[in-house]
Amino acid sequence: MSWKIYKSNDHYIQGDLLSTHSSESAALKNAKKNINYSKTFKEESKEEIVIWLDDADGIPAGIIIKSIKGTKRLRQSKKEE
């Protein structure tokens, strides 16, 4: 899956989609160029990886998101009779 860069607009942190990239480093480089941020915070979960982009005052300026491909299926065992 790809990394998506969103810039905060007046109402939402995940406001305007700026670009998509195949690597994390390319996404961070493009975000530094287009979004004025000074701090990053990375959160990982089973469903997605989120990098928060904050300005010097701690106000969210944007977000980078990567959805992890697919979900793991649970195998159902056969019932014993």
Protein backbone atom coordinates (compact mmCIF):
# COMPACT_ATOMS: atom_id res chain seq x y z
CA MET A 1 0.00 0.00 0.00
CA SER A 2 1.06 3.59 -0.28
CA TRP A 3 1.77 6.40 2.14
CA LYS A 4 -0.79 9.22 1.87
CA ILE A 5 -0.01 12.79 2.94
CA TYR A 6 -2.88 14.94 4.19
CA LYS A 7 -2.62 18.65 5.02
CA SER A 8 -4.81 20.12 7.74
CA ASN A 9 -7.49 22.52 6.52
CA ASP A 10 -9.73 24.78 8.61
CA HIS A 11 -11.94 21.97 9.93
CA TYR A 12 -10.10 18.62 9.72
CA ILE A 13 -6.58 17.37 10.44
CA GLN A 14 -6.97 14.82 7.63
CA GLY A 15 -8.19 17.54 5.28
CA ASP A 16 -6.64 17.83 1.82
CA LEU A 17 -4.81 14.93 0.14
CA LEU A 18 -1.47 16.29 -1.11
CA SER A 19 0.21 13.21 -2.56
CA THR A 20 0.85 9.47 -2.29
CA HIS A 21 4.24 7.74 -2.10
CA SER A 22 5.57 4.20 -2.04
CA SER A 23 8.12 4.79 0.76
CA GLU A 24 8.04 6.46 4.15
CA SER A 25 11.16 8.52 3.48
CA ALA A 26 9.74 9.98 0.26
CA ALA A 27 6.50 10.87 2.06
CA LEU A 28 8.36 12.63 4.88
CA LYS A 29 10.55 14.51 2.39
CA ASN A 30 7.51 15.73 0.43
CA ALA A 31 5.66 16.65 3.64
CA LYS A 32 8.64 18.72 4.84
CA LYS A 33 8.56 20.59 1.54
CA ASN A 34 4.77 21.24 1.50
CA ILE A 35 3.75 21.37 5.18
CA ASN A 36 5.45 23.57 7.75
CA TYR A 37 5.95 21.17 10.69
CA SER A 38 8.61 20.76 13.34
CA LYS A 39 7.64 17.58 15.27
CA THR A 40 6.59 14.08 14.23
CA PHE A 41 4.90 11.34 16.27
CA LYS A 42 4.56 7.81 14.90
CA GLU A 43 1.79 5.42 15.97
CA GLU A 44 1.44 1.85 14.75
CA SER A 45 -1.57 -0.44 15.04
CA LYS A 46 -2.73 -3.61 13.31
CA GLU A 47 -4.78 -1.65 10.76
CA GLU A 48 -2.56 1.34 9.91
CA ILE A 49 0.59 3.34 10.55
CA VAL A 50 0.05 7.02 11.34
CA ILE A 51 2.65 9.80 11.48
CA TRP A 52 1.35 13.01 13.06
CA LEU A 53 2.93 16.25 11.84
CA ASP A 54 2.81 19.07 14.42
CA ASP A 55 4.06 22.65 14.27
CA ALA A 56 6.26 24.28 16.94
CA ASP A 57 3.24 25.03 19.18
CA GLY A 58 2.02 21.40 19.08
CA ILE A 59 -0.91 22.16 16.76
CA PRO A 60 -1.48 19.41 14.16
CA ALA A 61 -0.41 20.59 10.70
CA GLY A 62 -0.96 17.33 8.81
CA ILE A 63 -0.87 13.56 8.87
CA ILE A 64 0.76 10.72 6.93
CA ILE A 65 -1.17 7.44 6.81
CA LYS A 66 -0.35 3.97 5.52
CA SER A 67 -3.08 1.32 5.66
CA ILE A 68 -1.67 -2.13 6.22
CA LYS A 69 -2.64 -4.47 3.41
CA GLY A 70 -5.49 -6.85 4.14
CA THR A 71 -6.51 -8.43 7.39
CA LYS A 72 -5.50 -11.77 8.81
CA ARG A 73 -8.20 -14.40 8.70
CA LEU A 74 -8.76 -16.74 11.57
CA ARG A 75 -8.78 -20.40 10.70
CA GLN A 76 -11.75 -22.29 11.94
CA SER A 77 -10.98 -25.73 13.22
CA LYS A 78 -13.14 -28.72 12.41
CA LYS A 79 -15.57 -29.79 15.08
CA GLU A 80 -14.79 -33.13 16.62
CA GLU A 81 -17.72 -35.50 16.83
